[in-house]
PDB file of N, CA and C in Angstrom:
ATOM      1  N   MET A   1      12.619 -41.256 -28.713  1.00  0.00           N
ATOM      2  CA  MET A   1      13.369 -42.485 -28.719  1.00  0.00           C
ATOM      3  C   MET A   1      12.670 -43.464 -27.803  1.00  0.00           C
ATOM      4  N   GLN A   2      12.353 -44.642 -28.321  1.00  0.00           N
ATOM      5  CA  GLN A   2      11.712 -45.652 -27.511  1.00  0.00           C
ATOM      6  C   GLN A   2      12.712 -46.755 -27.207  1.00  0.00           C
ATOM      7  N   PHE A   3      12.537 -47.364 -26.057  1.00  0.00           N
ATOM      8  CA  PHE A   3      13.399 -48.457 -25.646  1.00  0.00           C
ATOM      9  C   PHE A   3      12.564 -49.712 -25.591  1.00  0.00           C
ATOM     10  N   THR A   4      13.116 -50.817 -26.008  1.00  0.00           N
ATOM     11  CA  THR A   4      12.357 -52.058 -26.054  1.00  0.00           C
ATOM     12  C   THR A   4      12.792 -52.987 -24.935  1.00  0.00           C
ATOM     13  N   LYS A   5      11.946 -54.002 -24.695  1.00  0.00           N
ATOM     14  CA  LYS A   5      12.301 -55.015 -23.696  1.00  0.00           C
ATOM     15  C   LYS A   5      13.579 -55.733 -24.111  1.00  0.00           C
ATOM     16  N   ALA A   6      13.772 -55.911 -25.424  1.00  0.00           N
ATOM     17  CA  ALA A   6      14.978 -56.582 -25.895  1.00  0.00           C
ATOM     18  C   ALA A   6      16.208 -55.774 -25.518  1.00  0.00           C
ATOM     19  N   ALA A   7      16.134 -54.452 -25.675  1.00  0.00           N
ATOM     20  CA  ALA A   7      17.264 -53.607 -25.301  1.00  0.00           C
ATOM     21  C   ALA A   7      17.517 -53.695 -23.812  1.00  0.00           C
ATOM     22  N   ALA A   8      16.451 -53.698 -23.018  1.00  0.00           N
ATOM     23  CA  ALA A   8      16.611 -53.816 -21.573  1.00  0.00           C
ATOM     24  C   ALA A   8      17.239 -55.157 -21.224  1.00  0.00           C
ATOM     25  N   GLY A   9      16.798 -56.223 -21.889  1.00  0.00           N
ATOM     26  CA  GLY A   9      17.366 -57.543 -21.645  1.00  0.00           C
ATOM     27  C   GLY A   9      18.832 -57.595 -22.021  1.00  0.00           C
ATOM     28  N   SER A  10      19.194 -56.951 -23.132  1.00  0.00           N
ATOM     29  CA  SER A  10      20.587 -56.907 -23.554  1.00  0.00           C
ATOM     30  C   SER A  10      21.441 -56.181 -22.529  1.00  0.00           C
ATOM     31  N   ALA A  11      20.912 -55.084 -21.999  1.00  0.00           N
ATOM     32  CA  ALA A  11      21.650 -54.331 -20.990  1.00  0.00           C
ATOM     33  C   ALA A  11      21.859 -55.174 -19.743  1.00  0.00           C
ATOM     34  N   LEU A  12      20.842 -55.918 -19.344  1.00  0.00           N
ATOM     35  CA  LEU A  12      20.974 -56.791 -18.178  1.00  0.00           C
ATOM     36  C   LEU A  12      21.996 -57.890 -18.432  1.00  0.00           C
ATOM     37  N   ALA A  13      21.956 -58.469 -19.615  1.00  0.00           N
ATOM     38  CA  ALA A  13      22.906 -59.521 -19.954  1.00  0.00           C
ATOM     39  C   ALA A  13      24.329 -58.975 -19.952  1.00  0.00           C
ATOM     40  N   ALA A  14      24.514 -57.786 -20.511  1.00  0.00           N
ATOM     41  CA  ALA A  14      25.836 -57.172 -20.542  1.00  0.00           C
ATOM     42  C   ALA A  14      26.331 -56.897 -19.125  1.00  0.00           C
ATOM     43  N   ALA A  15      25.446 -56.403 -18.264  1.00  0.00           N
ATOM     44  CA  ALA A  15      25.829 -56.133 -16.879  1.00  0.00           C
ATOM     45  C   ALA A  15      26.222 -57.425 -16.176  1.00  0.00           C
ATOM     46  N   ALA A  16      25.511 -58.507 -16.465  1.00  0.00           N
ATOM     47  CA  ALA A  16      25.824 -59.790 -15.846  1.00  0.00           C
ATOM     48  C   ALA A  16      27.179 -60.306 -16.321  1.00  0.00           C
ATOM     49  N   LEU A  17      27.516 -60.068 -17.595  1.00  0.00           N
ATOM     50  CA  LEU A  17      28.786 -60.539 -18.130  1.00  0.00           C
ATOM     51  C   LEU A  17      29.970 -59.846 -17.492  1.00  0.00           C
ATOM     52  N   VAL A  18      29.848 -58.550 -17.229  1.00  0.00           N
ATOM     53  CA  VAL A  18      30.970 -57.845 -16.640  1.00  0.00           C
ATOM     54  C   VAL A  18      31.049 -58.070 -15.140  1.00  0.00           C
ATOM     55  N   GLY A  19      29.960 -58.558 -14.562  1.00  0.00           N
ATOM     56  CA  GLY A  19      29.927 -58.982 -13.166  1.00  0.00           C
ATOM     57  C   GLY A  19      30.655 -58.115 -12.177  1.00  0.00           C
ATOM     58  N   SER A  20      31.910 -58.425 -11.904  1.00  0.00           N
ATOM     59  CA  SER A  20      32.626 -57.761 -10.831  1.00  0.00           C
ATOM     60  C   SER A  20      33.360 -56.506 -11.270  1.00  0.00           C
ATOM     61  N   ALA A  21      33.232 -56.093 -12.519  1.00  0.00           N
ATOM     62  CA  ALA A  21      33.899 -54.872 -12.968  1.00  0.00           C
ATOM     63  C   ALA A  21      33.373 -53.694 -12.160  1.00  0.00           C
ATOM     64  N   THR A  22      34.251 -52.783 -11.821  1.00  0.00           N
ATOM     65  CA  THR A  22      33.857 -51.670 -10.960  1.00  0.00           C
ATOM     66  C   THR A  22      32.920 -50.696 -11.653  1.00  0.00           C
ATOM     67  N   THR A  23      32.859 -50.671 -12.975  1.00  0.00           N
ATOM     68  CA  THR A  23      31.981 -49.735 -13.668  1.00  0.00           C
ATOM     69  C   THR A  23      30.611 -50.324 -13.953  1.00  0.00           C
ATOM     70  N   ALA A  24      30.417 -51.592 -13.706  1.00  0.00           N
ATOM     71  CA  ALA A  24      29.131 -52.224 -13.995  1.00  0.00           C
ATOM     72  C   ALA A  24      28.099 -51.853 -12.950  1.00  0.00           C
ATOM     73  N   VAL A  25      26.849 -51.717 -13.398  1.00  0.00           N
ATOM     74  CA  VAL A  25      25.733 -51.468 -12.494  1.00  0.00           C
ATOM     75  C   VAL A  25      25.084 -52.818 -12.226  1.00  0.00           C
ATOM     76  N   ALA A  26      24.899 -53.162 -10.970  1.00  0.00           N
ATOM     77  CA  ALA A  26      24.325 -54.462 -10.614  1.00  0.00           C
ATOM     78  C   ALA A  26      22.925 -54.608 -11.194  1.00  0.00           C
ATOM     79  N   ALA A  27      22.602 -55.808 -11.626  1.00  0.00           N
ATOM     80  CA  ALA A  27      21.276 -56.082 -12.183  1.00  0.00           C
ATOM     81  C   ALA A  27      20.226 -56.001 -11.080  1.00  0.00           C
ATOM     82  N   PRO A  28      19.096 -55.359 -11.364  1.00  0.00           N
ATOM     83  CA  PRO A  28      18.045 -55.249 -10.351  1.00  0.00           C
ATOM     84  C   PRO A  28      17.366 -56.591 -10.130  1.00  0.00           C
ATOM     85  N   ALA A  29      16.771 -56.743  -8.955  1.00  0.00           N
ATOM     86  CA  ALA A  29      16.074 -57.978  -8.638  1.00  0.00           C
ATOM     87  C   ALA A  29      14.786 -58.111  -9.446  1.00  0.00           C
ATOM     88  N   GLU A  30      14.109 -56.998  -9.730  1.00  0.00           N
ATOM     89  CA  GLU A  30      12.848 -57.015 -10.454  1.00  0.00           C
ATOM     90  C   GLU A  30      12.790 -55.874 -11.448  1.00  0.00           C
ATOM     91  N   LEU A  31      11.947 -56.061 -12.443  1.00  0.00           N
ATOM     92  CA  LEU A  31      11.620 -54.986 -13.374  1.00  0.00           C
ATOM     93  C   LEU A  31      10.186 -54.574 -13.091  1.00  0.00           C
ATOM     94  N   TYR A  32       9.903 -53.298 -13.200  1.00  0.00           N
ATOM     95  CA  TYR A  32       8.571 -52.776 -12.949  1.00  0.00           C
ATOM     96  C   TYR A  32       8.070 -52.095 -14.218  1.00  0.00           C
ATOM     97  N   HIS A  33       6.774 -52.028 -14.369  1.00  0.00           N
ATOM     98  CA  HIS A  33       6.192 -51.328 -15.506  1.00  0.00           C
ATOM     99  C   HIS A  33       5.529 -50.051 -15.015  1.00  0.00           C
ATOM    100  N   VAL A  34       5.827 -48.960 -15.708  1.00  0.00           N
ATOM    101  CA  VAL A  34       5.249 -47.659 -15.385  1.00  0.00           C
ATOM    102  C   VAL A  34       4.623 -47.095 -16.649  1.00  0.00           C
ATOM    103  N   THR A  35       3.636 -46.213 -16.474  1.00  0.00           N
ATOM    104  CA  THR A  35       2.966 -45.587 -17.609  1.00  0.00           C
ATOM    105  C   THR A  35       3.035 -44.079 -17.450  1.00  0.00           C
ATOM    106  N   ALA A  36       3.521 -43.407 -18.474  1.00  0.00           N
ATOM    107  CA  ALA A  36       3.597 -41.949 -18.457  1.00  0.00           C
ATOM    108  C   ALA A  36       2.210 -41.369 -18.699  1.00  0.00           C
ATOM    109  N   TRP A  37       1.809 -40.402 -17.896  1.00  0.00           N
ATOM    110  CA  TRP A  37       0.531 -39.723 -18.116  1.00  0.00           C
ATOM    111  C   TRP A  37       0.744 -38.437 -18.917  1.00  0.00           C
ATOM    112  N   HIS A  38       2.027 -38.046 -19.064  1.00  0.00           N
ATOM    113  CA  HIS A  38       2.405 -36.864 -19.835  1.00  0.00           C
ATOM    114  C   HIS A  38       3.739 -37.175 -20.506  1.00  0.00           C
ATOM    115  N   ASP A  39       4.022 -36.527 -21.623  1.00  0.00           N
ATOM    116  CA  ASP A  39       5.327 -36.700 -22.253  1.00  0.00           C
ATOM    117  C   ASP A  39       6.428 -36.370 -21.240  1.00  0.00           C
ATOM    118  N   VAL A  40       7.509 -37.147 -21.271  1.00  0.00           N
ATOM    119  CA  VAL A  40       8.598 -36.945 -20.306  1.00  0.00           C
ATOM    120  C   VAL A  40       9.940 -37.180 -20.985  1.00  0.00           C
ATOM    121  N   ASN A  41      10.902 -36.330 -20.656  1.00  0.00           N
ATOM    122  CA  ASN A  41      12.265 -36.498 -21.164  1.00  0.00           C
ATOM    123  C   ASN A  41      13.028 -37.497 -20.302  1.00  0.00           C
ATOM    124  N   ILE A  42      13.860 -38.280 -20.949  1.00  0.00           N
ATOM    125  CA  ILE A  42      14.781 -39.182 -20.259  1.00  0.00           C
ATOM    126  C   ILE A  42      16.129 -38.471 -20.238  1.00  0.00           C
ATOM    127  N   ARG A  43      16.746 -38.422 -19.080  1.00  0.00           N
ATOM    128  CA  ARG A  43      18.002 -37.677 -18.922  1.00  0.00           C
ATOM    129  C   ARG A  43      19.128 -38.581 -18.431  1.00  0.00           C
ATOM    130  N   SER A  44      20.349 -38.095 -18.584  1.00  0.00           N
ATOM    131  CA  SER A  44      21.526 -38.889 -18.207  1.00  0.00           C
ATOM    132  C   SER A  44      21.811 -38.847 -16.716  1.00  0.00           C
ATOM    133  N   CYS A  45      21.089 -38.028 -15.974  1.00  0.00           N
ATOM    134  CA  CYS A  45      21.167 -38.022 -14.508  1.00  0.00           C
ATOM    135  C   CYS A  45      19.864 -37.441 -13.976  1.00  0.00           C
ATOM    136  N   GLU A  46      19.746 -37.340 -12.668  1.00  0.00           N
ATOM    137  CA  GLU A  46      18.479 -36.977 -12.045  1.00  0.00           C
ATOM    138  C   GLU A  46      18.330 -35.477 -11.796  1.00  0.00           C
ATOM    139  N   ALA A  47      18.433 -34.690 -12.902  1.00  0.00           N
ATOM    140  CA  ALA A  47      18.248 -33.235 -12.822  1.00  0.00           C
ATOM    141  C   ALA A  47      17.906 -32.690 -14.210  1.00  0.00           C
ATOM    142  N   ARG A  48      17.180 -31.575 -14.241  1.00  0.00           N
ATOM    143  CA  ARG A  48      16.818 -30.949 -15.521  1.00  0.00           C
ATOM    144  C   ARG A  48      18.026 -30.428 -16.268  1.00  0.00           C
ATOM    145  N   SER A  49      19.122 -30.174 -15.578  1.00  0.00           N
ATOM    146  CA  SER A  49      20.327 -29.675 -16.229  1.00  0.00           C
ATOM    147  C   SER A  49      21.090 -30.772 -16.980  1.00  0.00           C
ATOM    148  N   CYS A  50      20.727 -32.021 -16.782  1.00  0.00           N
ATOM    149  CA  CYS A  50      21.405 -33.144 -17.441  1.00  0.00           C
ATOM    150  C   CYS A  50      20.914 -33.283 -18.874  1.00  0.00           C
ATOM    151  N   PRO A  51      21.771 -33.749 -19.774  1.00  0.00           N
ATOM    152  CA  PRO A  51      21.374 -33.893 -21.176  1.00  0.00           C
ATOM    153  C   PRO A  51      20.180 -34.831 -21.360  1.00  0.00           C
ATOM    154  N   VAL A  52      19.315 -34.485 -22.308  1.00  0.00           N
ATOM    155  CA  VAL A  52      18.191 -35.342 -22.690  1.00  0.00           C
ATOM    156  C   VAL A  52      18.729 -36.425 -23.610  1.00  0.00           C
ATOM    157  N   VAL A  53      18.441 -37.693 -23.267  1.00  0.00           N
ATOM    158  CA  VAL A  53      18.935 -38.825 -24.056  1.00  0.00           C
ATOM    159  C   VAL A  53      17.802 -39.630 -24.690  1.00  0.00           C
ATOM    160  N   GLY A  54      16.564 -39.240 -24.403  1.00  0.00           N
ATOM    161  CA  GLY A  54      15.421 -39.957 -24.953  1.00  0.00           C
ATOM    162  C   GLY A  54      14.127 -39.305 -24.508  1.00  0.00           C
ATOM    163  N   HIS A  55      13.029 -39.966 -24.836  1.00  0.00           N
ATOM    164  CA  HIS A  55      11.712 -39.399 -24.574  1.00  0.00           C
ATOM    165  C   HIS A  55      10.710 -40.543 -24.426  1.00  0.00           C
ATOM    166  N   ILE A  56       9.776 -40.385 -23.502  1.00  0.00           N
ATOM    167  CA  ILE A  56       8.659 -41.315 -23.357  1.00  0.00           C
ATOM    168  C   ILE A  56       7.394 -40.504 -23.588  1.00  0.00           C
ATOM    169  N   GLU A  57       6.527 -40.993 -24.453  1.00  0.00           N
ATOM    170  CA  GLU A  57       5.304 -40.280 -24.774  1.00  0.00           C
ATOM    171  C   GLU A  57       4.182 -40.623 -23.798  1.00  0.00           C
ATOM    172  N   ALA A  58       3.255 -39.672 -23.630  1.00  0.00           N
ATOM    173  CA  ALA A  58       2.096 -39.881 -22.775  1.00  0.00           C
ATOM    174  C   ALA A  58       1.370 -41.153 -23.193  1.00  0.00           C
ATOM    175  N   GLY A  59       0.985 -41.967 -22.212  1.00  0.00           N
ATOM    176  CA  GLY A  59       0.277 -43.214 -22.469  1.00  0.00           C
ATOM    177  C   GLY A  59       1.192 -44.399 -22.713  1.00  0.00           C
ATOM    178  N   GLU A  60       2.476 -44.154 -22.913  1.00  0.00           N
ATOM    179  CA  GLU A  60       3.419 -45.242 -23.183  1.00  0.00           C
ATOM    180  C   GLU A  60       3.765 -45.981 -21.893  1.00  0.00           C
ATOM    181  N   ARG A  61       3.709 -47.300 -21.960  1.00  0.00           N
ATOM    182  CA  ARG A  61       4.115 -48.159 -20.839  1.00  0.00           C
ATOM    183  C   ARG A  61       5.596 -48.446 -21.003  1.00  0.00           C
ATOM    184  N   HIS A  62       6.317 -48.407 -19.908  1.00  0.00           N
ATOM    185  CA  HIS A  62       7.768 -48.515 -19.984  1.00  0.00           C
ATOM    186  C   HIS A  62       8.297 -49.320 -18.797  1.00  0.00           C
ATOM    187  N   ILE A  63       9.494 -49.843 -18.921  1.00  0.00           N
ATOM    188  CA  ILE A  63      10.153 -50.566 -17.830  1.00  0.00           C
ATOM    189  C   ILE A  63      10.860 -49.563 -16.931  1.00  0.00           C
ATOM    190  N   ALA A  64      10.780 -49.781 -15.635  1.00  0.00           N
ATOM    191  CA  ALA A  64      11.569 -49.023 -14.654  1.00  0.00           C
ATOM    192  C   ALA A  64      12.316 -50.045 -13.806  1.00  0.00           C
ATOM    193  N   TYR A  65      13.538 -49.730 -13.455  1.00  0.00           N
ATOM    194  CA  TYR A  65      14.371 -50.643 -12.676  1.00  0.00           C
ATOM    195  C   TYR A  65      14.305 -50.343 -11.184  1.00  0.00           C
ATOM    196  N   CYS A  66      14.296 -49.048 -10.847  1.00  0.00           N
ATOM    197  CA  CYS A  66      14.322 -48.624  -9.457  1.00  0.00           C
ATOM    198  C   CYS A  66      14.079 -47.120  -9.432  1.00  0.00           C
ATOM    199  N   TRP A  67      14.058 -46.534  -8.236  1.00  0.00           N
ATOM    200  CA  TRP A  67      13.897 -45.086  -8.103  1.00  0.00           C
ATOM    201  C   TRP A  67      15.044 -44.535  -7.270  1.00  0.00           C
ATOM    202  N   THR A  68      15.286 -43.242  -7.438  1.00  0.00           N
ATOM    203  CA  THR A  68      16.319 -42.568  -6.665  1.00  0.00           C
ATOM    204  C   THR A  68      15.883 -41.136  -6.383  1.00  0.00           C
ATOM    205  N   ASP A  69      16.522 -40.517  -5.412  1.00  0.00           N
ATOM    206  CA  ASP A  69      16.272 -39.105  -5.119  1.00  0.00           C
ATOM    207  C   ASP A  69      17.060 -38.243  -6.091  1.00  0.00           C
ATOM    208  N   GLY A  70      16.485 -37.114  -6.478  1.00  0.00           N
ATOM    209  CA  GLY A  70      17.161 -36.192  -7.380  1.00  0.00           C
ATOM    210  C   GLY A  70      16.603 -34.799  -7.224  1.00  0.00           C
ATOM    211  N   GLU A  71      16.771 -34.001  -8.269  1.00  0.00           N
ATOM    212  CA  GLU A  71      16.259 -32.635  -8.259  1.00  0.00           C
ATOM    213  C   GLU A  71      14.745 -32.648  -8.058  1.00  0.00           C
ATOM    214  N   THR A  72      14.254 -31.738  -7.239  1.00  0.00           N
ATOM    215  CA  THR A  72      12.814 -31.606  -7.052  1.00  0.00           C
ATOM    216  C   THR A  72      12.207 -30.958  -8.289  1.00  0.00           C
ATOM    217  N   ILE A  73      11.169 -31.592  -8.836  1.00  0.00           N
ATOM    218  CA  ILE A  73      10.464 -31.107 -10.015  1.00  0.00           C
ATOM    219  C   ILE A  73       9.057 -30.708  -9.598  1.00  0.00           C
ATOM    220  N   SER A  74       8.615 -29.546 -10.049  1.00  0.00           N
ATOM    221  CA  SER A  74       7.238 -29.088  -9.840  1.00  0.00           C
ATOM    222  C   SER A  74       6.630 -28.807 -11.201  1.00  0.00           C
ATOM    223  N   ASP A  75       5.546 -29.510 -11.512  1.00  0.00           N
ATOM    224  CA  ASP A  75       4.866 -29.322 -12.782  1.00  0.00           C
ATOM    225  C   ASP A  75       3.424 -29.802 -12.624  1.00  0.00           C
ATOM    226  N   PHE A  76       2.496 -29.106 -13.240  1.00  0.00           N
ATOM    227  CA  PHE A  76       1.080 -29.479 -13.205  1.00  0.00           C
ATOM    228  C   PHE A  76       0.553 -29.619 -11.775  1.00  0.00           C
ATOM    229  N   GLY A  77       1.084 -28.822 -10.849  1.00  0.00           N
ATOM    230  CA  GLY A  77       0.628 -28.864  -9.468  1.00  0.00           C
ATOM    231  C   GLY A  77       1.183 -30.031  -8.662  1.00  0.00           C
ATOM    232  N   ILE A  78       2.122 -30.766  -9.226  1.00  0.00           N
ATOM    233  CA  ILE A  78       2.745 -31.910  -8.556  1.00  0.00           C
ATOM    234  C   ILE A  78       4.202 -31.554  -8.268  1.00  0.00           C
ATOM    235  N   THR A  79       4.665 -31.845  -7.067  1.00  0.00           N
ATOM    236  CA  THR A  79       6.066 -31.616  -6.698  1.00  0.00           C
ATOM    237  C   THR A  79       6.633 -32.918  -6.162  1.00  0.00           C
ATOM    238  N   ASN A  80       7.801 -33.298  -6.674  1.00  0.00           N
ATOM    239  CA  ASN A  80       8.381 -34.590  -6.318  1.00  0.00           C
ATOM    240  C   ASN A  80       9.877 -34.557  -6.607  1.00  0.00           C
ATOM    241  N   ASN A  81      10.671 -35.246  -5.811  1.00  0.00           N
ATOM    242  CA  ASN A  81      12.111 -35.361  -6.071  1.00  0.00           C
ATOM    243  C   ASN A  81      12.509 -36.787  -6.447  1.00  0.00           C
ATOM    244  N   ILE A  82      11.540 -37.614  -6.790  1.00  0.00           N
ATOM    245  CA  ILE A  82      11.807 -39.011  -7.147  1.00  0.00           C
ATOM    246  C   ILE A  82      12.043 -39.122  -8.648  1.00  0.00           C
ATOM    247  N   TRP A  83      13.094 -39.828  -9.016  1.00  0.00           N
ATOM    248  CA  TRP A  83      13.423 -40.091 -10.419  1.00  0.00           C
ATOM    249  C   TRP A  83      13.477 -41.600 -10.611  1.00  0.00           C
ATOM    250  N   LEU A  84      12.970 -42.057 -11.747  1.00  0.00           N
ATOM    251  CA  LEU A  84      12.959 -43.480 -12.072  1.00  0.00           C
ATOM    252  C   LEU A  84      14.096 -43.806 -13.021  1.00  0.00           C
ATOM    253  N   MET A  85      14.823 -44.891 -12.750  1.00  0.00           N
ATOM    254  CA  MET A  85      15.813 -45.353 -13.715  1.00  0.00           C
ATOM    255  C   MET A  85      15.048 -46.175 -14.749  1.00  0.00           C
ATOM    256  N   VAL A  86      14.953 -45.657 -15.966  1.00  0.00           N
ATOM    257  CA  VAL A  86      14.125 -46.267 -17.003  1.00  0.00           C
ATOM    258  C   VAL A  86      14.940 -46.956 -18.087  1.00  0.00           C
ATOM    259  N   SER A  87      16.243 -46.831 -18.037  1.00  0.00           N
ATOM    260  CA  SER A  87      17.084 -47.529 -19.004  1.00  0.00           C
ATOM    261  C   SER A  87      18.489 -47.639 -18.450  1.00  0.00           C
ATOM    262  N   ARG A  88      19.201 -48.651 -18.936  1.00  0.00           N
ATOM    263  CA  ARG A  88      20.584 -48.864 -18.538  1.00  0.00           C
ATOM    264  C   ARG A  88      21.438 -49.044 -19.782  1.00  0.00           C
ATOM    265  N   GLN A  89      21.192 -48.240 -20.794  1.00  0.00           N
ATOM    266  CA  GLN A  89      21.926 -48.339 -22.053  1.00  0.00           C
ATOM    267  C   GLN A  89      23.420 -48.146 -21.821  1.00  0.00           C
ATOM    268  N   ASP A  90      24.238 -48.979 -22.443  1.00  0.00           N
ATOM    269  CA  ASP A  90      25.695 -48.870 -22.376  1.00  0.00           C
ATOM    270  C   ASP A  90      26.238 -48.836 -20.945  1.00  0.00           C
ATOM    271  N   GLY A  91      25.514 -49.462 -20.002  1.00  0.00           N
ATOM    272  CA  GLY A  91      25.966 -49.491 -18.623  1.00  0.00           C
ATOM    273  C   GLY A  91      25.684 -48.213 -17.853  1.00  0.00           C
ATOM    274  N   GLY A  92      25.081 -47.230 -18.516  1.00  0.00           N
ATOM    275  CA  GLY A  92      24.760 -45.968 -17.852  1.00  0.00           C
ATOM    276  C   GLY A  92      23.392 -46.003 -17.214  1.00  0.00           C
ATOM    277  N   ARG A  93      23.074 -44.941 -16.532  1.00  0.00           N
ATOM    278  CA  ARG A  93      21.773 -44.795 -15.882  1.00  0.00           C
ATOM    279  C   ARG A  93      21.020 -43.694 -16.608  1.00  0.00           C
ATOM    280  N   TRP A  94      19.843 -43.989 -17.118  1.00  0.00           N
ATOM    281  CA  TRP A  94      19.005 -42.997 -17.765  1.00  0.00           C
ATOM    282  C   TRP A  94      17.740 -42.859 -16.935  1.00  0.00           C
ATOM    283  N   LEU A  95      17.402 -41.615 -16.584  1.00  0.00           N
ATOM    284  CA  LEU A  95      16.353 -41.369 -15.598  1.00  0.00           C
ATOM    285  C   LEU A  95      15.281 -40.410 -16.096  1.00  0.00           C
ATOM    286  N   ALA A  96      14.093 -40.529 -15.491  1.00  0.00           N
ATOM    287  CA  ALA A  96      12.969 -39.651 -15.792  1.00  0.00           C
ATOM    288  C   ALA A  96      12.264 -39.314 -14.486  1.00  0.00           C
ATOM    289  N   SER A  97      11.775 -38.079 -14.382  1.00  0.00           N
ATOM    290  CA  SER A  97      11.079 -37.646 -13.172  1.00  0.00           C
ATOM    291  C   SER A  97       9.786 -38.421 -12.987  1.00  0.00           C
ATOM    292  N   ALA A  98       9.549 -38.891 -11.764  1.00  0.00           N
ATOM    293  CA  ALA A  98       8.336 -39.629 -11.445  1.00  0.00           C
ATOM    294  C   ALA A  98       7.087 -38.748 -11.507  1.00  0.00           C
ATOM    295  N   VAL A  99       7.260 -37.429 -11.570  1.00  0.00           N
ATOM    296  CA  VAL A  99       6.117 -36.516 -11.676  1.00  0.00           C
ATOM    297  C   VAL A  99       5.230 -36.891 -12.861  1.00  0.00           C
ATOM    298  N   TYR A 100       5.815 -37.391 -13.933  1.00  0.00           N
ATOM    299  CA  TYR A 100       5.103 -37.610 -15.183  1.00  0.00           C
ATOM    300  C   TYR A 100       4.570 -39.034 -15.368  1.00  0.00           C
ATOM    301  N   PHE A 101       4.585 -39.837 -14.295  1.00  0.00           N
ATOM    302  CA  PHE A 101       4.114 -41.213 -14.389  1.00  0.00           C
ATOM    303  C   PHE A 101       2.902 -41.430 -13.487  1.00  0.00           C
ATOM    304  N   GLN A 102       2.031 -42.324 -13.906  1.00  0.00           N
ATOM    305  CA  GLN A 102       0.836 -42.651 -13.125  1.00  0.00           C
ATOM    306  C   GLN A 102       1.233 -43.304 -11.806  1.00  0.00           C
ATOM    307  N   GLY A 103       0.370 -43.125 -10.802  1.00  0.00           N
ATOM    308  CA  GLY A 103       0.586 -43.790  -9.524  1.00  0.00           C
ATOM    309  C   GLY A 103       0.987 -42.834  -8.433  1.00  0.00           C
ATOM    310  N   ASP A 104       1.572 -43.387  -7.385  1.00  0.00           N
ATOM    311  CA  ASP A 104       1.982 -42.592  -6.235  1.00  0.00           C
ATOM    312  C   ASP A 104       3.303 -41.876  -6.513  1.00  0.00           C
ATOM    313  N   ARG A 105       3.925 -41.353  -5.482  1.00  0.00           N
ATOM    314  CA  ARG A 105       5.153 -40.570  -5.677  1.00  0.00           C
ATOM    315  C   ARG A 105       6.288 -41.398  -6.273  1.00  0.00           C
ATOM    316  N   TYR A 106       6.224 -42.717  -6.143  1.00  0.00           N
ATOM    317  CA  TYR A 106       7.228 -43.618  -6.716  1.00  0.00           C
ATOM    318  C   TYR A 106       6.747 -44.252  -8.028  1.00  0.00           C
ATOM    319  N   ALA A 107       5.667 -43.721  -8.605  1.00  0.00           N
ATOM    320  CA  ALA A 107       5.065 -44.294  -9.824  1.00  0.00           C
ATOM    321  C   ALA A 107       4.667 -45.749  -9.586  1.00  0.00           C
ATOM    322  N   ASN A 108       4.260 -46.032  -8.360  1.00  0.00           N
ATOM    323  CA  ASN A 108       3.825 -47.354  -7.902  1.00  0.00           C
ATOM    324  C   ASN A 108       4.943 -48.381  -7.787  1.00  0.00           C
ATOM    325  N   LEU A 109       6.203 -47.969  -7.853  1.00  0.00           N
ATOM    326  CA  LEU A 109       7.289 -48.883  -7.512  1.00  0.00           C
ATOM    327  C   LEU A 109       7.281 -49.047  -5.994  1.00  0.00           C
ATOM    328  N   PRO A 110       7.693 -50.178  -5.491  1.00  0.00           N
ATOM    329  CA  PRO A 110       7.753 -50.344  -4.034  1.00  0.00           C
ATOM    330  C   PRO A 110       8.737 -49.346  -3.416  1.00  0.00           C
ATOM    331  N   ALA A 111       8.453 -48.904  -2.215  1.00  0.00           N
ATOM    332  CA  ALA A 111       9.338 -47.968  -1.519  1.00  0.00           C
ATOM    333  C   ALA A 111      10.730 -48.546  -1.359  1.00  0.00           C
ATOM    334  N   ASP A 112      10.862 -49.881  -1.282  1.00  0.00           N
ATOM    335  CA  ASP A 112      12.182 -50.487  -1.116  1.00  0.00           C
ATOM    336  C   ASP A 112      12.887 -50.761  -2.458  1.00  0.00           C
ATOM    337  N   ALA A 113      12.332 -50.269  -3.555  1.00  0.00           N
ATOM    338  CA  ALA A 113      12.970 -50.442  -4.870  1.00  0.00           C
ATOM    339  C   ALA A 113      13.940 -49.283  -5.143  1.00  0.00           C
ATOM    340  N   HIS A 114      14.554 -48.773  -4.096  1.00  0.00           N
ATOM    341  CA  HIS A 114      15.527 -47.677  -4.222  1.00  0.00           C
ATOM    342  C   HIS A 114      16.764 -48.192  -4.946  1.00  0.00           C
ATOM    343  N   CYS A 115      17.302 -47.384  -5.860  1.00  0.00           N
ATOM    344  CA  CYS A 115      18.532 -47.763  -6.571  1.00  0.00           C
ATOM    345  C   CYS A 115      19.675 -47.824  -5.561  1.00  0.00           C
ATOM    346  N   ASP A 116      20.436 -48.914  -5.567  1.00  0.00           N
ATOM    347  CA  ASP A 116      21.478 -49.152  -4.567  1.00  0.00           C
ATOM    348  C   ASP A 116      22.878 -48.798  -5.047  1.00  0.00           C
ATOM    349  N   TYR A 117      23.036 -47.651  -5.645  1.00  0.00           N
ATOM    350  CA  TYR A 117      24.381 -47.248  -6.119  1.00  0.00           C
ATOM    351  C   TYR A 117      24.559 -45.781  -5.950  1.00  0.00           C
TER     352      TYR A 117
END
C-alpha cells in the first residue's frame, strides 16, 4: 500500500478542521522525506505486535512527520528503538521502524522532531 502526498495533505487538512477536538493529532510543523533501504511494514503502533496497515518498498521515498520511541528492533546488524510516523490516515498514527530507512538512527529527521503526543 502506497501513500501519496495528496493523502498526507488531506490528513493534515482534516486535522486542522477538527482543531480543538480531543481525538485530533496536531499538525506537524514540517514534513520530512525518508527513503527505505529495505522493504518495511507500516504498523498501527510502534511495535511488531501491532497490526500491519501498509508497506513501503525498498528505494521508495516517503513522507515522515516525526519520530517516537518504541519497541527495539534488531535486523541486519542494526538495533534501534526509533519509529517514524509515516502516515496519519483517519486521524491515526501509522509507524515504521527507522531501522529500515537510510540515514542516522532518526532516518535523518532532526533530533527535535520527536512526536509530541
